[in-house]
Amino acid sequence: MLVVGNPEIFNIRQEYQLPPRVAQKVQFCSYIRKQLGRKSPNLIRSELRLNPEKQLILVTLGGGEDGYRLIDTYLSSLVLLPASHKLRSLIICSPEMPLEHQAALKLKAAVYPQVQIDEFTDDLMSYIAVADAVVAMSGYNTTWEILSVGKQASSSSNQN
């Protein structure tokens, strides 16, 4: 049985009180670390028109099909920020998010010129590396992508 992780952090053998016959079959594989992005931070900042004093907040959803509420809440929170905040928000919806949800979010975001909504990127690591903070609905992959570059993150689970 292959286990992604380290026994020093979470020892599945002990935590689940596996019988010795099963426990001896457990092999820990450490954690899967994502490679750094393909684009340089300077190129990303240029593409997003980020001058040095602007901070980038990246909002990402992993698979994204159930991430409407996270993005909607994030967009609603922007009205609470003082005008002096120099933020740029990049929201990546995911192609799995229903089109009607994407359309509603784009409509809501249209009043914020500092918000850009994209459907997908195949180079999320480049954007995570540039982001000053990441707001994510994170599963395993997104969590490790964020941790791989040492970024601040706020994670949300979809608990109704």
N, C-alpha and C. Protein backbone atom coordinates (compact mmCIF):
# COMPACT_ATOMS: atom_id res chain seq x y z
N MET A 1 0.85 -1.16 0.00
CA MET A 1 0.00 0.00 0.00
C MET A 1 0.90 1.23 0.00
N LEU A 2 0.75 2.06 -1.03
CA LEU A 2 1.54 3.28 -1.13
C LEU A 2 0.76 4.43 -0.51
N VAL A 3 1.44 5.20 0.34
CA VAL A 3 0.82 6.33 1.03
C VAL A 3 1.61 7.59 0.70
N VAL A 4 0.91 8.59 0.16
CA VAL A 4 1.54 9.88 -0.10
C VAL A 4 1.62 10.60 1.24
N GLY A 5 2.83 10.93 1.67
CA GLY A 5 3.02 11.60 2.95
C GLY A 5 4.22 11.06 3.69
N ASN A 6 4.42 11.55 4.91
CA ASN A 6 5.51 11.11 5.77
C ASN A 6 4.94 10.63 7.09
N PRO A 7 5.46 9.51 7.62
CA PRO A 7 4.92 9.01 8.89
C PRO A 7 5.17 9.98 10.05
N GLU A 8 6.17 10.86 9.93
CA GLU A 8 6.44 11.84 10.98
C GLU A 8 5.31 12.86 11.09
N ILE A 9 4.60 13.09 10.01
CA ILE A 9 3.50 14.06 10.00
C ILE A 9 2.17 13.37 10.30
N PHE A 10 1.92 12.28 9.63
CA PHE A 10 0.70 11.52 9.87
C PHE A 10 1.01 10.06 9.60
N ASN A 11 1.09 9.28 10.66
CA ASN A 11 1.43 7.87 10.52
C ASN A 11 0.13 7.06 10.43
N ILE A 12 -0.21 6.71 9.22
CA ILE A 12 -1.45 6.00 8.95
C ILE A 12 -1.51 4.66 9.70
N ARG A 13 -0.33 4.05 9.90
CA ARG A 13 -0.31 2.77 10.61
C ARG A 13 -0.84 2.93 12.04
N GLN A 14 -0.35 3.95 12.71
CA GLN A 14 -0.76 4.18 14.10
C GLN A 14 -2.15 4.80 14.19
N GLU A 15 -2.40 5.83 13.38
CA GLU A 15 -3.66 6.57 13.47
C GLU A 15 -4.87 5.69 13.20
N TYR A 16 -4.71 4.75 12.28
CA TYR A 16 -5.83 3.87 11.94
C TYR A 16 -5.70 2.49 12.58
N GLN A 17 -4.68 2.34 13.44
CA GLN A 17 -4.45 1.09 14.16
C GLN A 17 -4.52 -0.11 13.21
N LEU A 18 -3.72 -0.02 12.17
CA LEU A 18 -3.72 -1.09 11.17
C LEU A 18 -3.18 -2.37 11.78
N PRO A 19 -3.77 -3.49 11.45
CA PRO A 19 -3.24 -4.78 11.93
C PRO A 19 -1.81 -4.97 11.41
N PRO A 20 -0.96 -5.62 12.15
CA PRO A 20 0.44 -5.79 11.75
C PRO A 20 0.63 -6.32 10.32
N ARG A 21 -0.22 -7.25 9.90
CA ARG A 21 -0.10 -7.80 8.54
C ARG A 21 -0.30 -6.73 7.48
N VAL A 22 -1.21 -5.81 7.73
CA VAL A 22 -1.47 -4.71 6.80
C VAL A 22 -0.41 -3.63 6.96
N ALA A 23 -0.07 -3.29 8.20
CA ALA A 23 0.90 -2.22 8.48
C ALA A 23 2.24 -2.48 7.82
N GLN A 24 2.66 -3.72 7.75
CA GLN A 24 3.97 -4.02 7.15
C GLN A 24 3.98 -3.78 5.64
N LYS A 25 2.81 -3.70 5.04
CA LYS A 25 2.72 -3.47 3.60
C LYS A 25 2.72 -1.98 3.23
N VAL A 26 2.62 -1.11 4.24
CA VAL A 26 2.55 0.33 3.99
C VAL A 26 3.93 0.86 3.63
N GLN A 27 3.99 1.58 2.52
CA GLN A 27 5.21 2.26 2.08
C GLN A 27 4.90 3.74 1.92
N PHE A 28 5.64 4.60 2.63
CA PHE A 28 5.43 6.04 2.53
C PHE A 28 6.24 6.59 1.36
N CYS A 29 5.61 7.43 0.55
CA CYS A 29 6.22 7.96 -0.67
C CYS A 29 6.56 9.44 -0.57
N SER A 30 6.52 9.99 0.61
CA SER A 30 6.74 11.42 0.83
C SER A 30 5.62 12.20 0.15
N TYR A 31 5.89 13.48 -0.14
CA TYR A 31 4.88 14.33 -0.76
C TYR A 31 5.28 14.64 -2.18
N ILE A 32 4.30 14.85 -3.04
CA ILE A 32 4.56 15.15 -4.44
C ILE A 32 4.70 16.65 -4.56
N ARG A 33 5.84 17.09 -4.99
CA ARG A 33 6.10 18.52 -5.13
C ARG A 33 6.01 18.89 -6.60
N LYS A 34 5.32 19.96 -6.88
CA LYS A 34 5.13 20.44 -8.24
C LYS A 34 6.37 21.21 -8.69
N GLN A 35 6.72 21.08 -9.95
CA GLN A 35 7.83 21.85 -10.52
C GLN A 35 7.44 23.32 -10.58
N LEU A 36 8.43 24.18 -10.52
CA LEU A 36 8.17 25.62 -10.63
C LEU A 36 7.59 25.93 -12.00
N GLY A 37 6.98 27.11 -12.12
CA GLY A 37 6.33 27.52 -13.35
C GLY A 37 7.29 27.72 -14.51
N ARG A 38 6.71 27.80 -15.70
CA ARG A 38 7.51 27.96 -16.92
C ARG A 38 7.85 29.41 -17.22
N LYS A 39 7.03 30.35 -16.72
CA LYS A 39 7.23 31.76 -17.03
C LYS A 39 7.93 32.46 -15.87
N SER A 40 8.76 33.43 -16.20
CA SER A 40 9.45 34.18 -15.16
C SER A 40 8.47 35.11 -14.45
N PRO A 41 8.74 35.43 -13.19
CA PRO A 41 7.88 36.38 -12.47
C PRO A 41 7.76 37.72 -13.19
N ASN A 42 8.84 38.19 -13.79
CA ASN A 42 8.78 39.47 -14.51
C ASN A 42 7.84 39.40 -15.71
N LEU A 43 7.85 38.29 -16.42
CA LEU A 43 6.95 38.13 -17.56
C LEU A 43 5.49 38.11 -17.11
N ILE A 44 5.21 37.38 -16.04
CA ILE A 44 3.84 37.31 -15.51
C ILE A 44 3.39 38.71 -15.07
N ARG A 45 4.24 39.41 -14.33
CA ARG A 45 3.87 40.76 -13.86
C ARG A 45 3.62 41.68 -15.05
N SER A 46 4.40 41.54 -16.10
CA SER A 46 4.21 42.35 -17.30
C SER A 46 2.89 41.99 -17.99
N GLU A 47 2.60 40.70 -18.14
CA GLU A 47 1.35 40.25 -18.78
C GLU A 47 0.13 40.77 -18.02
N LEU A 48 0.22 40.80 -16.69
CA LEU A 48 -0.91 41.24 -15.87
C LEU A 48 -0.91 42.74 -15.60
N ARG A 49 0.05 43.44 -16.19
CA ARG A 49 0.19 44.89 -16.01
C ARG A 49 0.26 45.26 -14.53
N LEU A 50 1.15 44.57 -13.83
CA LEU A 50 1.35 44.83 -12.40
C LEU A 50 2.57 45.71 -12.22
N ASN A 51 2.35 46.94 -11.76
CA ASN A 51 3.51 47.76 -11.46
C ASN A 51 4.03 47.34 -10.08
N PRO A 52 5.25 47.78 -9.72
CA PRO A 52 5.88 47.27 -8.49
C PRO A 52 5.09 47.46 -7.20
N GLU A 53 4.26 48.50 -7.12
CA GLU A 53 3.53 48.72 -5.87
C GLU A 53 2.21 47.94 -5.78
N LYS A 54 1.81 47.31 -6.86
CA LYS A 54 0.56 46.53 -6.83
C LYS A 54 0.83 45.11 -6.34
N GLN A 55 -0.11 44.62 -5.54
CA GLN A 55 -0.05 43.25 -5.07
C GLN A 55 -1.02 42.40 -5.86
N LEU A 56 -0.63 41.16 -6.10
CA LEU A 56 -1.48 40.24 -6.84
C LEU A 56 -2.11 39.24 -5.88
N ILE A 57 -3.44 39.14 -5.95
CA ILE A 57 -4.17 38.11 -5.24
C ILE A 57 -4.65 37.12 -6.28
N LEU A 58 -4.23 35.90 -6.14
CA LEU A 58 -4.65 34.83 -7.05
C LEU A 58 -5.77 34.04 -6.38
N VAL A 59 -6.87 33.85 -7.10
CA VAL A 59 -7.99 33.05 -6.61
C VAL A 59 -8.09 31.85 -7.55
N THR A 60 -7.96 30.67 -6.98
CA THR A 60 -7.96 29.47 -7.80
C THR A 60 -8.81 28.39 -7.14
N LEU A 61 -9.36 27.51 -7.95
CA LEU A 61 -10.37 26.57 -7.46
C LEU A 61 -10.04 25.11 -7.62
N GLY A 62 -8.85 24.77 -8.04
CA GLY A 62 -8.61 23.36 -8.33
C GLY A 62 -9.51 22.96 -9.49
N GLY A 63 -10.29 21.89 -9.33
CA GLY A 63 -11.21 21.46 -10.39
C GLY A 63 -12.22 22.52 -10.75
N GLY A 64 -12.77 23.20 -9.75
CA GLY A 64 -13.56 24.38 -9.98
C GLY A 64 -15.03 24.25 -10.24
N GLU A 65 -15.53 23.04 -10.45
CA GLU A 65 -16.94 22.93 -10.79
C GLU A 65 -17.84 23.39 -9.65
N ASP A 66 -17.35 23.35 -8.43
CA ASP A 66 -18.16 23.75 -7.28
C ASP A 66 -17.60 24.98 -6.57
N GLY A 67 -16.86 25.81 -7.29
CA GLY A 67 -16.20 26.96 -6.67
C GLY A 67 -16.90 28.29 -6.81
N TYR A 68 -18.12 28.30 -7.32
CA TYR A 68 -18.85 29.55 -7.52
C TYR A 68 -18.92 30.38 -6.24
N ARG A 69 -19.29 29.74 -5.15
CA ARG A 69 -19.49 30.47 -3.89
C ARG A 69 -18.22 31.15 -3.40
N LEU A 70 -17.08 30.49 -3.56
CA LEU A 70 -15.81 31.08 -3.14
C LEU A 70 -15.52 32.36 -3.92
N ILE A 71 -15.66 32.30 -5.24
CA ILE A 71 -15.38 33.49 -6.05
C ILE A 71 -16.41 34.58 -5.79
N ASP A 72 -17.67 34.21 -5.68
CA ASP A 72 -18.71 35.18 -5.41
C ASP A 72 -18.43 35.91 -4.08
N THR A 73 -18.04 35.16 -3.07
CA THR A 73 -17.72 35.76 -1.77
C THR A 73 -16.50 36.66 -1.88
N TYR A 74 -15.48 36.21 -2.61
CA TYR A 74 -14.29 37.03 -2.80
C TYR A 74 -14.65 38.36 -3.47
N LEU A 75 -15.42 38.28 -4.54
CA LEU A 75 -15.81 39.50 -5.25
C LEU A 75 -16.63 40.42 -4.35
N SER A 76 -17.51 39.86 -3.55
CA SER A 76 -18.31 40.67 -2.63
C SER A 76 -17.44 41.36 -1.59
N SER A 77 -16.35 40.76 -1.23
CA SER A 77 -15.47 41.35 -0.21
C SER A 77 -14.67 42.54 -0.73
N LEU A 78 -14.51 42.66 -2.03
CA LEU A 78 -13.70 43.75 -2.58
C LEU A 78 -14.27 45.13 -2.27
N VAL A 79 -15.57 45.22 -2.14
CA VAL A 79 -16.20 46.50 -1.83
C VAL A 79 -15.78 47.01 -0.45
N LEU A 80 -15.33 46.13 0.42
CA LEU A 80 -14.92 46.49 1.77
C LEU A 80 -13.51 47.08 1.85
N LEU A 81 -12.75 46.92 0.78
CA LEU A 81 -11.37 47.42 0.79
C LEU A 81 -11.32 48.93 0.59
N PRO A 82 -10.44 49.60 1.32
CA PRO A 82 -10.27 51.04 1.08
C PRO A 82 -9.70 51.27 -0.32
N ALA A 83 -10.01 52.40 -0.88
CA ALA A 83 -9.53 52.73 -2.23
C ALA A 83 -8.01 52.77 -2.30
N SER A 84 -7.36 52.95 -1.18
CA SER A 84 -5.89 53.05 -1.16
C SER A 84 -5.20 51.70 -1.40
N HIS A 85 -5.93 50.59 -1.28
CA HIS A 85 -5.32 49.28 -1.53
C HIS A 85 -4.98 49.16 -3.01
N LYS A 86 -3.76 48.74 -3.25
CA LYS A 86 -3.31 48.57 -4.63
C LYS A 86 -3.23 47.09 -4.95
N LEU A 87 -4.40 46.52 -5.18
CA LEU A 87 -4.50 45.10 -5.46
C LEU A 87 -4.93 44.85 -6.89
N ARG A 88 -4.46 43.77 -7.41
CA ARG A 88 -4.95 43.23 -8.68
C ARG A 88 -5.35 41.80 -8.38
N SER A 89 -6.50 41.39 -8.84
CA SER A 89 -6.98 40.04 -8.59
C SER A 89 -7.03 39.27 -9.90
N LEU A 90 -6.43 38.09 -9.88
CA LEU A 90 -6.55 37.16 -10.99
C LEU A 90 -7.33 35.97 -10.49
N ILE A 91 -8.48 35.74 -11.10
CA ILE A 91 -9.36 34.64 -10.71
C ILE A 91 -9.34 33.62 -11.84
N ILE A 92 -9.03 32.39 -11.48
CA ILE A 92 -9.04 31.31 -12.47
C ILE A 92 -10.18 30.37 -12.12
N CYS A 93 -11.22 30.40 -12.95
CA CYS A 93 -12.46 29.67 -12.67
C CYS A 93 -12.34 28.16 -12.83
N SER A 94 -11.75 27.70 -13.88
CA SER A 94 -11.64 26.30 -14.25
C SER A 94 -12.67 25.98 -15.33
N PRO A 95 -12.27 25.22 -16.33
CA PRO A 95 -13.20 24.85 -17.39
C PRO A 95 -14.34 23.96 -16.91
N GLU A 96 -14.21 23.39 -15.72
CA GLU A 96 -15.27 22.53 -15.19
C GLU A 96 -16.39 23.32 -14.52
N MET A 97 -16.19 24.62 -14.30
CA MET A 97 -17.24 25.43 -13.70
C MET A 97 -18.33 25.64 -14.75
N PRO A 98 -19.59 25.46 -14.38
CA PRO A 98 -20.67 25.67 -15.34
C PRO A 98 -20.59 27.06 -15.98
N LEU A 99 -20.88 27.12 -17.27
CA LEU A 99 -20.78 28.37 -18.02
C LEU A 99 -21.66 29.47 -17.46
N GLU A 100 -22.86 29.11 -16.96
CA GLU A 100 -23.75 30.13 -16.40
C GLU A 100 -23.15 30.73 -15.12
N HIS A 101 -22.41 29.93 -14.36
CA HIS A 101 -21.74 30.46 -13.17
C HIS A 101 -20.60 31.40 -13.58
N GLN A 102 -19.82 30.99 -14.57
CA GLN A 102 -18.73 31.84 -15.06
C GLN A 102 -19.28 33.17 -15.55
N ALA A 103 -20.37 33.13 -16.29
CA ALA A 103 -20.97 34.36 -16.83
C ALA A 103 -21.44 35.27 -15.71
N ALA A 104 -22.07 34.72 -14.68
CA ALA A 104 -22.55 35.52 -13.55
C ALA A 104 -21.38 36.16 -12.81
N LEU A 105 -20.29 35.42 -12.64
CA LEU A 105 -19.12 35.96 -11.95
C LEU A 105 -18.45 37.06 -12.78
N LYS A 106 -18.37 36.86 -14.09
CA LYS A 106 -17.77 37.89 -14.95
C LYS A 106 -18.60 39.16 -14.92
N LEU A 107 -19.91 39.02 -14.88
CA LEU A 107 -20.79 40.18 -14.79
C LEU A 107 -20.56 40.93 -13.47
N LYS A 108 -20.47 40.18 -12.38
CA LYS A 108 -20.23 40.79 -11.07
C LYS A 108 -18.85 41.45 -11.00
N ALA A 109 -17.86 40.84 -11.63
CA ALA A 109 -16.48 41.36 -11.60
C ALA A 109 -16.30 42.57 -12.51
N ALA A 110 -17.21 42.77 -13.44
CA ALA A 110 -17.06 43.86 -14.42
C ALA A 110 -16.97 45.24 -13.78
N VAL A 111 -17.49 45.41 -12.58
CA VAL A 111 -17.43 46.72 -11.90
C VAL A 111 -16.07 46.95 -11.24
N TYR A 112 -15.21 45.95 -11.26
CA TYR A 112 -13.89 46.06 -10.65
C TYR A 112 -12.81 45.97 -11.75
N PRO A 113 -12.27 47.10 -12.18
CA PRO A 113 -11.27 47.05 -13.24
C PRO A 113 -9.99 46.32 -12.83
N GLN A 114 -9.77 46.15 -11.53
CA GLN A 114 -8.56 45.49 -11.05
C GLN A 114 -8.73 43.96 -10.99
N VAL A 115 -9.86 43.45 -11.47
CA VAL A 115 -10.12 42.01 -11.44
C VAL A 115 -10.08 41.44 -12.85
N GLN A 116 -9.35 40.37 -12.99
CA GLN A 116 -9.30 39.65 -14.27
C GLN A 116 -9.75 38.22 -14.00
N ILE A 117 -10.68 37.73 -14.80
CA ILE A 117 -11.16 36.36 -14.67
C ILE A 117 -10.75 35.58 -15.91
N ASP A 118 -10.06 34.47 -15.69
CA ASP A 118 -9.68 33.56 -16.75
C ASP A 118 -10.31 32.21 -16.47
N GLU A 119 -10.52 31.44 -17.52
CA GLU A 119 -11.13 30.13 -17.35
C GLU A 119 -10.10 29.09 -16.91
N PHE A 120 -8.87 29.18 -17.45
CA PHE A 120 -7.92 28.10 -17.24
C PHE A 120 -6.51 28.58 -17.53
N THR A 121 -5.54 28.00 -16.86
CA THR A 121 -4.14 28.13 -17.24
C THR A 121 -3.48 26.77 -17.06
N ASP A 122 -2.58 26.44 -17.95
CA ASP A 122 -1.83 25.19 -17.79
C ASP A 122 -0.50 25.44 -17.09
N ASP A 123 -0.34 26.66 -16.56
CA ASP A 123 0.90 27.03 -15.87
C ASP A 123 0.57 27.76 -14.56
N LEU A 124 -0.28 27.15 -13.75
CA LEU A 124 -0.70 27.78 -12.50
C LEU A 124 0.48 28.10 -11.59
N MET A 125 1.52 27.26 -11.62
CA MET A 125 2.67 27.48 -10.74
C MET A 125 3.34 28.84 -10.99
N SER A 126 3.36 29.31 -12.23
CA SER A 126 3.94 30.62 -12.51
C SER A 126 3.16 31.72 -11.81
N TYR A 127 1.84 31.60 -11.81
CA TYR A 127 1.00 32.63 -11.18
C TYR A 127 1.05 32.53 -9.65
N ILE A 128 1.12 31.32 -9.13
CA ILE A 128 1.26 31.16 -7.68
C ILE A 128 2.57 31.79 -7.21
N ALA A 129 3.63 31.58 -7.96
CA ALA A 129 4.93 32.12 -7.58
C ALA A 129 4.93 33.65 -7.53
N VAL A 130 4.16 34.30 -8.39
CA VAL A 130 4.12 35.75 -8.44
C VAL A 130 3.14 36.33 -7.42
N ALA A 131 2.12 35.58 -7.07
CA ALA A 131 1.05 36.08 -6.20
C ALA A 131 1.60 36.48 -4.82
N ASP A 132 1.04 37.56 -4.30
CA ASP A 132 1.36 37.96 -2.93
C ASP A 132 0.54 37.16 -1.93
N ALA A 133 -0.62 36.72 -2.34
CA ALA A 133 -1.46 35.84 -1.52
C ALA A 133 -2.33 35.01 -2.46
N VAL A 134 -2.70 33.83 -1.99
CA VAL A 134 -3.53 32.93 -2.77
C VAL A 134 -4.77 32.59 -1.96
N VAL A 135 -5.92 32.75 -2.59
CA VAL A 135 -7.18 32.31 -2.01
C VAL A 135 -7.58 31.09 -2.84
N ALA A 136 -7.75 29.96 -2.16
CA ALA A 136 -7.97 28.74 -2.93
C ALA A 136 -8.96 27.81 -2.27
N MET A 137 -9.67 27.11 -3.12
CA MET A 137 -10.47 25.97 -2.68
C MET A 137 -9.58 24.78 -3.00
N SER A 138 -8.79 24.41 -2.03
CA SER A 138 -7.70 23.52 -2.36
C SER A 138 -7.90 22.09 -1.97
N GLY A 139 -7.60 21.28 -2.94
CA GLY A 139 -7.45 19.86 -2.71
C GLY A 139 -5.96 19.58 -2.56
N TYR A 140 -5.59 18.37 -2.72
CA TYR A 140 -4.20 17.97 -2.53
C TYR A 140 -3.25 18.74 -3.46
N ASN A 141 -3.53 18.74 -4.76
CA ASN A 141 -2.60 19.37 -5.71
C ASN A 141 -2.44 20.86 -5.45
N THR A 142 -3.54 21.57 -5.29
CA THR A 142 -3.46 23.01 -5.09
C THR A 142 -2.73 23.33 -3.78
N THR A 143 -3.01 22.57 -2.74
CA THR A 143 -2.33 22.80 -1.46
C THR A 143 -0.82 22.65 -1.62
N TRP A 144 -0.38 21.61 -2.26
CA TRP A 144 1.06 21.41 -2.42
C TRP A 144 1.67 22.40 -3.40
N GLU A 145 0.93 22.84 -4.39
CA GLU A 145 1.45 23.88 -5.28
C GLU A 145 1.71 25.15 -4.49
N ILE A 146 0.77 25.53 -3.63
CA ILE A 146 0.93 26.74 -2.82
C ILE A 146 2.10 26.57 -1.85
N LEU A 147 2.16 25.45 -1.17
CA LEU A 147 3.23 25.21 -0.20
C LEU A 147 4.59 25.12 -0.87
N SER A 148 4.64 24.63 -2.10
CA SER A 148 5.91 24.49 -2.82
C SER A 148 6.61 25.82 -3.03
N VAL A 149 5.84 26.89 -3.15
CA VAL A 149 6.45 28.21 -3.35
C VAL A 149 6.37 29.09 -2.11
N GLY A 150 5.86 28.53 -1.01
CA GLY A 150 5.86 29.25 0.26
C GLY A 150 4.95 30.46 0.32
N LYS A 151 3.79 30.40 -0.31
CA LYS A 151 2.87 31.54 -0.33
C LYS A 151 1.86 31.48 0.80
N GLN A 152 1.37 32.68 1.17
CA GLN A 152 0.25 32.74 2.10
C GLN A 152 -0.97 32.23 1.37
N ALA A 153 -1.83 31.57 2.10
CA ALA A 153 -3.03 31.05 1.47
C ALA A 153 -4.18 31.02 2.45
N SER A 154 -5.36 31.20 1.92
CA SER A 154 -6.59 31.02 2.68
C SER A 154 -7.35 29.93 1.97
N SER A 155 -7.62 28.86 2.66
CA SER A 155 -8.25 27.72 2.01
C SER A 155 -9.70 27.60 2.46
N SER A 156 -10.54 27.20 1.54
CA SER A 156 -11.96 27.02 1.84
C SER A 156 -12.38 25.64 1.40
N SER A 157 -13.13 24.98 2.23
CA SER A 157 -13.71 23.71 1.81
C SER A 157 -15.16 23.98 1.47
N ASN A 158 -15.72 23.18 0.61
CA ASN A 158 -17.09 23.38 0.18
C ASN A 158 -18.02 22.62 1.10
N GLN A 159 -18.26 23.18 2.27
CA GLN A 159 -19.15 22.54 3.23
C GLN A 159 -20.44 23.34 3.29
N ASN A 160 -21.52 22.76 2.82
CA ASN A 160 -22.80 23.46 2.79
C ASN A 160 -23.54 23.31 4.10
